[in-house]
C-alpha atoms as a PDB file:
ATOM      1  CA  MET A   1      -0.209   0.171  -0.061  1.00  0.00           C
ATOM      2  CA  ASP A   2       1.321   3.544  -0.756  1.00  0.00           C
ATOM      3  CA  THR A   3       1.498   6.031   1.808  1.00  0.00           C
ATOM      4  CA  LEU A   4       2.424   9.843   1.709  1.00  0.00           C
ATOM      5  CA  THR A   5       6.010   8.782   3.765  1.00  0.00           C
ATOM      6  CA  THR A   6       6.800   5.826   1.481  1.00  0.00           C
ATOM      7  CA  PRO A   7       6.702   7.000  -2.159  1.00  0.00           C
ATOM      8  CA  ALA A   8       4.767   5.037  -4.839  1.00  0.00           C
ATOM      9  CA  TYR A   9       7.769   5.321  -7.458  1.00  0.00           C
ATOM     10  CA  ARG A  10      11.539   5.915  -7.630  1.00  0.00           C
ATOM     11  CA  THR A  11      13.316   8.014 -10.422  1.00  0.00           C
ATOM     12  CA  VAL A  12      15.391   5.323 -13.046  1.00  0.00           C
ATOM     13  CA  SER A  13      16.507   8.049 -14.876  1.00  0.00           C
ATOM     14  CA  ASN A  14      16.066  12.192 -16.364  1.00  0.00           C
ATOM     15  CA  HIS A  15      15.989  13.245 -19.364  1.00  0.00           C
ATOM     16  CA  VAL A  16      15.288  16.898 -18.676  1.00  0.00           C
ATOM     17  CA  ILE A  17      11.953  17.322 -20.475  1.00  0.00           C
ATOM     18  CA  ALA A  18      10.798  13.740 -18.838  1.00  0.00           C
ATOM     19  CA  GLU A  19      11.150  11.013 -16.012  1.00  0.00           C
ATOM     20  CA  VAL A  20      11.737   7.417 -16.182  1.00  0.00           C
ATOM     21  CA  ARG A  21       9.938   6.363 -12.888  1.00  0.00           C
ATOM     22  CA  GLN A  22       9.019   2.817 -11.941  1.00  0.00           C
ATOM     23  CA  LYS A  23       6.125   1.837  -9.693  1.00  0.00           C
ATOM     24  CA  ILE A  24       7.859  -0.069  -6.341  1.00  0.00           C
ATOM     25  CA  SER A  25       4.758  -2.237  -5.748  1.00  0.00           C
ATOM     26  CA  ASN A  26       5.181  -4.047  -9.309  1.00  0.00           C
ATOM     27  CA  GLU A  27       8.390  -2.528 -10.960  1.00  0.00           C
ATOM     28  CA  GLN A  28       6.466  -1.177 -14.379  1.00  0.00           C
ATOM     29  CA  ASN A  29       8.451   1.945 -15.529  1.00  0.00           C
ATOM     30  CA  ALA A  30       6.413   4.849 -16.532  1.00  0.00           C
ATOM     31  CA  LEU A  31       7.044   8.207 -18.184  1.00  0.00           C
ATOM     32  CA  PHE A  32       6.461  11.023 -16.657  1.00  0.00           C
ATOM     33  CA  VAL A  33       6.509  14.898 -17.816  1.00  0.00           C
ATOM     34  CA  LEU A  34       8.695  17.770 -15.686  1.00  0.00           C
ATOM     35  CA  ARG A  35       6.818  20.436 -17.543  1.00  0.00           C
ATOM     36  CA  THR A  36       3.603  21.540 -18.717  1.00  0.00           C
ATOM     37  CA  TYR A  37       2.286  21.710 -22.087  1.00  0.00           C
ATOM     38  CA  GLN A  38      -0.890  22.914 -23.598  1.00  0.00           C
ATOM     39  CA  PRO A  39      -2.866  20.732 -26.505  1.00  0.00           C
ATOM     40  CA  GLY A  40      -0.926  20.229 -29.978  1.00  0.00           C
ATOM     41  CA  GLU A  41       2.461  21.051 -28.440  1.00  0.00           C
ATOM     42  CA  VAL A  42       5.019  19.185 -29.486  1.00  0.00           C
ATOM     43  CA  ILE A  43       6.999  17.387 -26.572  1.00  0.00           C
ATOM     44  CA  ALA A  44       9.741  15.660 -28.239  1.00  0.00           C
ATOM     45  CA  SER A  45      11.004  14.691 -31.464  1.00  0.00           C
ATOM     46  CA  PHE A  46      12.005  11.566 -31.957  1.00  0.00           C
ATOM     47  CA  SER A  47      14.275   9.266 -34.934  1.00  0.00           C
ATOM     48  CA  ALA A  48      14.028   5.740 -36.199  1.00  0.00           C
ATOM     49  CA  GLY A  49      16.538   3.915 -33.517  1.00  0.00           C
ATOM     50  CA  THR A  50      16.321   0.978 -35.632  1.00  0.00           C
ATOM     51  CA  ILE A  51      13.780  -0.514 -38.742  1.00  0.00           C
ATOM     52  CA  SER A  52      12.555  -4.235 -38.715  1.00  0.00           C
ATOM     53  CA  ALA A  53       9.834  -6.027 -40.500  1.00  0.00           C
ATOM     54  CA  GLU A  54       8.652  -7.474 -37.580  1.00  0.00           C
ATOM     55  CA  PRO A  55       6.983  -5.836 -34.650  1.00  0.00           C
ATOM     56  CA  THR A  56       7.982  -6.202 -31.281  1.00  0.00           C
ATOM     57  CA  TYR A  57       6.478  -4.952 -28.023  1.00  0.00           C
ATOM     58  CA  LEU A  58       9.224  -2.098 -28.220  1.00  0.00           C
ATOM     59  CA  THR A  59       8.942  -1.278 -31.701  1.00  0.00           C
ATOM     60  CA  VAL A  60       6.014   1.118 -33.427  1.00  0.00           C
ATOM     61  CA  GLN A  61       4.576   0.299 -36.773  1.00  0.00           C
ATOM     62  CA  VAL A  62       5.269   3.204 -40.153  1.00  0.00           C
ATOM     63  CA  GLY A  63       4.701   0.659 -43.058  1.00  0.00           C
ATOM     64  CA  VAL A  64       2.900  -2.628 -43.607  1.00  0.00           C
ATOM     65  CA  ALA A  65       6.060  -4.518 -42.996  1.00  0.00           C
ATOM     66  CA  LYS A  66       8.100  -1.286 -41.239  1.00  0.00           C
ATOM     67  CA  HIS A  67       8.086  -0.811 -37.810  1.00  0.00           C
ATOM     68  CA  ILE A  68      10.947   1.617 -35.627  1.00  0.00           C
ATOM     69  CA  THR A  69      12.128   1.445 -32.095  1.00  0.00           C
ATOM     70  CA  LEU A  70      12.038   4.779 -30.820  1.00  0.00           C
ATOM     71  CA  GLN A  71      15.033   7.310 -30.284  1.00  0.00           C
ATOM     72  CA  PRO A  72      15.522   8.752 -28.089  1.00  0.00           C
ATOM     73  CA  GLU A  73      14.962   5.388 -26.567  1.00  0.00           C
ATOM     74  CA  PHE A  74      13.433   7.106 -23.335  1.00  0.00           C
ATOM     75  CA  LEU A  75      10.178   7.671 -25.033  1.00  0.00           C
ATOM     76  CA  GLN A  76       9.429   3.428 -25.053  1.00  0.00           C
ATOM     77  CA  TYR A  77       8.189   3.942 -21.471  1.00  0.00           C
ATOM     78  CA  ILE A  78       4.977   5.407 -22.285  1.00  0.00           C
ATOM     79  CA  ASN A  79       2.455   3.395 -21.251  1.00  0.00           C
ATOM     80  CA  HIS A  80      -1.386   2.791 -23.140  1.00  0.00           C
ATOM     81  CA  SER A  81      -4.316   4.447 -22.041  1.00  0.00           C
ATOM     82  CA  CYS A  82      -7.833   4.122 -23.751  1.00  0.00           C
ATOM     83  CA  ASP A  83      -7.798   7.869 -22.771  1.00  0.00           C
ATOM     84  CA  PRO A  84      -4.486   8.783 -24.085  1.00  0.00           C
ATOM     85  CA  ASN A  85      -2.759  12.036 -23.161  1.00  0.00           C
ATOM     86  CA  VAL A  86       0.149  12.253 -26.140  1.00  0.00           C
ATOM     87  CA  PHE A  87       0.651  11.263 -29.784  1.00  0.00           C
ATOM     88  CA  PHE A  88       3.413   9.531 -31.461  1.00  0.00           C
ATOM     89  CA  ASP A  89       2.751  11.513 -34.970  1.00  0.00           C
ATOM     90  CA  THR A  90       5.293   8.953 -36.753  1.00  0.00           C
ATOM     91  CA  THR A  91       4.882  11.263 -40.420  1.00  0.00           C
ATOM     92  CA  THR A  92       6.144  14.316 -38.580  1.00  0.00           C
ATOM     93  CA  MET A  93       8.368  11.969 -36.128  1.00  0.00           C
ATOM     94  CA  GLU A  94       6.904  14.197 -33.045  1.00  0.00           C
ATOM     95  CA  LEU A  95       5.543  13.140 -29.812  1.00  0.00           C
ATOM     96  CA  VAL A  96       2.403  15.688 -29.979  1.00  0.00           C
ATOM     97  CA  ALA A  97      -0.067  16.234 -26.687  1.00  0.00           C
ATOM     98  CA  LEU A  98      -3.591  15.770 -26.703  1.00  0.00           C
ATOM     99  CA  LYS A  99      -4.633  17.064 -23.835  1.00  0.00           C
ATOM    100  CA  GLU A 100      -3.404  19.427 -21.029  1.00  0.00           C
ATOM    101  CA  LEU A 101      -0.679  18.014 -19.364  1.00  0.00           C
ATOM    102  CA  ALA A 102       0.648  19.076 -15.803  1.00  0.00           C
ATOM    103  CA  VAL A 103       3.961  18.749 -14.407  1.00  0.00           C
ATOM    104  CA  GLU A 104       4.800  14.875 -12.874  1.00  0.00           C
ATOM    105  CA  GLU A 105       1.685  14.080 -14.682  1.00  0.00           C
ATOM    106  CA  GLU A 106       2.194   9.964 -16.464  1.00  0.00           C
ATOM    107  CA  LEU A 107       2.382  10.392 -20.514  1.00  0.00           C
ATOM    108  CA  THR A 108       0.084   7.542 -22.178  1.00  0.00           C
ATOM    109  CA  PHE A 109      -0.988   6.447 -25.634  1.00  0.00           C
ATOM    110  CA  PHE A 110      -3.441   4.782 -27.831  1.00  0.00           C
ATOM    111  CA  TYR A 111      -1.088   1.450 -28.538  1.00  0.00           C
ATOM    112  CA  PRO A 112      -4.103   0.915 -31.629  1.00  0.00           C
ATOM    113  CA  SER A 113      -3.045   4.733 -33.039  1.00  0.00           C
ATOM    114  CA  THR A 114       0.317   3.322 -34.302  1.00  0.00           C
ATOM    115  CA  GLU A 115      -0.033  -0.520 -34.686  1.00  0.00           C
ATOM    116  CA  TRP A 116      -2.520  -2.560 -37.494  1.00  0.00           C
ATOM    117  CA  GLU A 117      -2.187  -5.607 -35.211  1.00  0.00           C
ATOM    118  CA  MET A 118      -0.567  -5.633 -32.328  1.00  0.00           C
ATOM    119  CA  THR A 119       2.204  -8.543 -31.769  1.00  0.00           C
ATOM    120  CA  GLN A 120       1.185  -9.174 -28.044  1.00  0.00           C
ATOM    121  CA  SER A 121      -2.625  -8.287 -27.117  1.00  0.00           C
ATOM    122  CA  PHE A 122      -3.495  -7.823 -23.793  1.00  0.00           C
ATOM    123  CA  ASN A 123      -6.488  -6.796 -21.085  1.00  0.00           C
ATOM    124  CA  CYS A 124      -6.525  -3.031 -20.694  1.00  0.00           C
ATOM    125  CA  TYR A 125      -7.367  -1.888 -16.839  1.00  0.00           C
ATOM    126  CA  CYS A 126      -6.338   1.725 -17.650  1.00  0.00           C
ATOM    127  CA  GLY A 127      -9.369   2.572 -15.575  1.00  0.00           C
ATOM    128  CA  SER A 128     -10.705   5.043 -18.081  1.00  0.00           C
ATOM    129  CA  HIS A 129     -14.333   5.289 -18.738  1.00  0.00           C
ATOM    130  CA  LYS A 130     -13.500   4.726 -22.052  1.00  0.00           C
ATOM    131  CA  CYS A 131     -11.113   1.330 -21.566  1.00  0.00           C
ATOM    132  CA  LEU A 132     -12.276  -0.770 -24.664  1.00  0.00           C
ATOM    133  CA  GLY A 133     -10.641  -4.012 -22.681  1.00  0.00           C
ATOM    134  CA  GLU A 134      -9.424  -6.473 -24.927  1.00  0.00           C
ATOM    135  CA  ILE A 135      -6.572  -4.047 -26.546  1.00  0.00           C
ATOM    136  CA  LYS A 136      -5.393  -5.869 -29.945  1.00  0.00           C
ATOM    137  CA  GLY A 137      -4.156  -3.469 -32.388  1.00  0.00           C
ATOM    138  CA  ALA A 138      -6.670  -1.338 -34.641  1.00  0.00           C
ATOM    139  CA  ALA A 139      -7.568  -3.794 -37.198  1.00  0.00           C
ATOM    140  CA  PHE A 140      -9.926  -4.708 -34.691  1.00  0.00           C
ATOM    141  CA  LEU A 141     -11.583  -2.007 -33.426  1.00  0.00           C
ATOM    142  CA  SER A 142     -15.143  -1.119 -34.463  1.00  0.00           C
ATOM    143  CA  LYS A 143     -16.070   1.766 -36.552  1.00  0.00           C
ATOM    144  CA  GLU A 144     -17.716   3.822 -33.793  1.00  0.00           C
ATOM    145  CA  ALA A 145     -14.216   3.368 -31.713  1.00  0.00           C
ATOM    146  CA  ALA A 146     -12.244   4.580 -34.024  1.00  0.00           C
ATOM    147  CA  ALA A 147     -13.735   7.614 -34.466  1.00  0.00           C
ATOM    148  CA  GLN A 148     -12.814   8.553 -30.651  1.00  0.00           C
ATOM    149  CA  TYR A 149      -9.210   8.448 -31.391  1.00  0.00           C
ATOM    150  CA  ARG A 150      -6.320   9.853 -33.378  1.00  0.00           C
ATOM    151  CA  PHE A 151      -4.308   7.700 -35.265  1.00  0.00           C
ATOM    152  CA  THR A 152      -1.131   7.967 -37.271  1.00  0.00           C
ATOM    153  CA  ASP A 153      -0.931   8.537 -40.788  1.00  0.00           C
ATOM    154  CA  PHE A 154      -0.646   5.015 -41.788  1.00  0.00           C
ATOM    155  CA  ILE A 155      -3.434   3.464 -39.458  1.00  0.00           C
ATOM    156  CA  GLN A 156      -5.844   5.910 -41.476  1.00  0.00           C
ATOM    157  CA  GLN A 157      -5.164   4.371 -45.044  1.00  0.00           C
ATOM    158  CA  GLN A 158      -4.992   1.055 -43.236  1.00  0.00           C
ATOM    159  CA  LEU A 159      -8.755   1.908 -41.634  1.00  0.00           C
ATOM    160  CA  ALA A 160      -9.287   3.410 -44.849  1.00  0.00           C
ATOM    161  CA  LYS A 161      -8.656   0.833 -46.752  1.00  0.00           C
ATOM    162  CA  ARG A 162     -10.504  -1.783 -44.470  1.00  0.00           C
ATOM    163  CA  ALA A 163     -14.039   0.802 -45.114  1.00  0.00           C
ATOM    164  CA  ALA A 164     -13.782   0.277 -48.895  1.00  0.00           C
ATOM    165  CA  ARG A 165     -13.627  -3.577 -48.575  1.00  0.00           C
ATOM    166  CA  LYS A 166     -16.774  -3.601 -46.566  1.00  0.00           C
ATOM    167  CA  VAL A 167     -18.440  -1.339 -48.908  1.00  0.00           C
ATOM    168  CA  ALA A 168     -17.266  -3.166 -51.949  1.00  0.00           C
END
């Protein structure tokens, strides 16, 4: 049980704009912002550390058989939420605030916003009233669920192709 005298997190690394912190109770890492941001504001630029044809749980999908690892590497500690506060724009290669962010707020993104079919699906327990439960990738979202989120250009193209197949 976390109390005021027992810190819930320990700092793993500091990166000027954010800190990687590890939750003491379960050793899960998360990224926390160190200043405020407004919606639409760029938090960080990123690049492809590596490019591969196969996805892993640490990659971001940018094409049909194109998956990148993120540089700077600390961005990989942004966890999933069905009510995300940041977005990975893989066209501009920028991490963008979706909502107003307060100092020390955990950064979260919607994993299907960058993944068509995830290599490791999971049951989400984000606690949001928008929680979708099982997270498998954008390919498995209903049209109604997909309408609630911002997606990378690649995922938008995949969603448009899927919609066109259903019409034909």
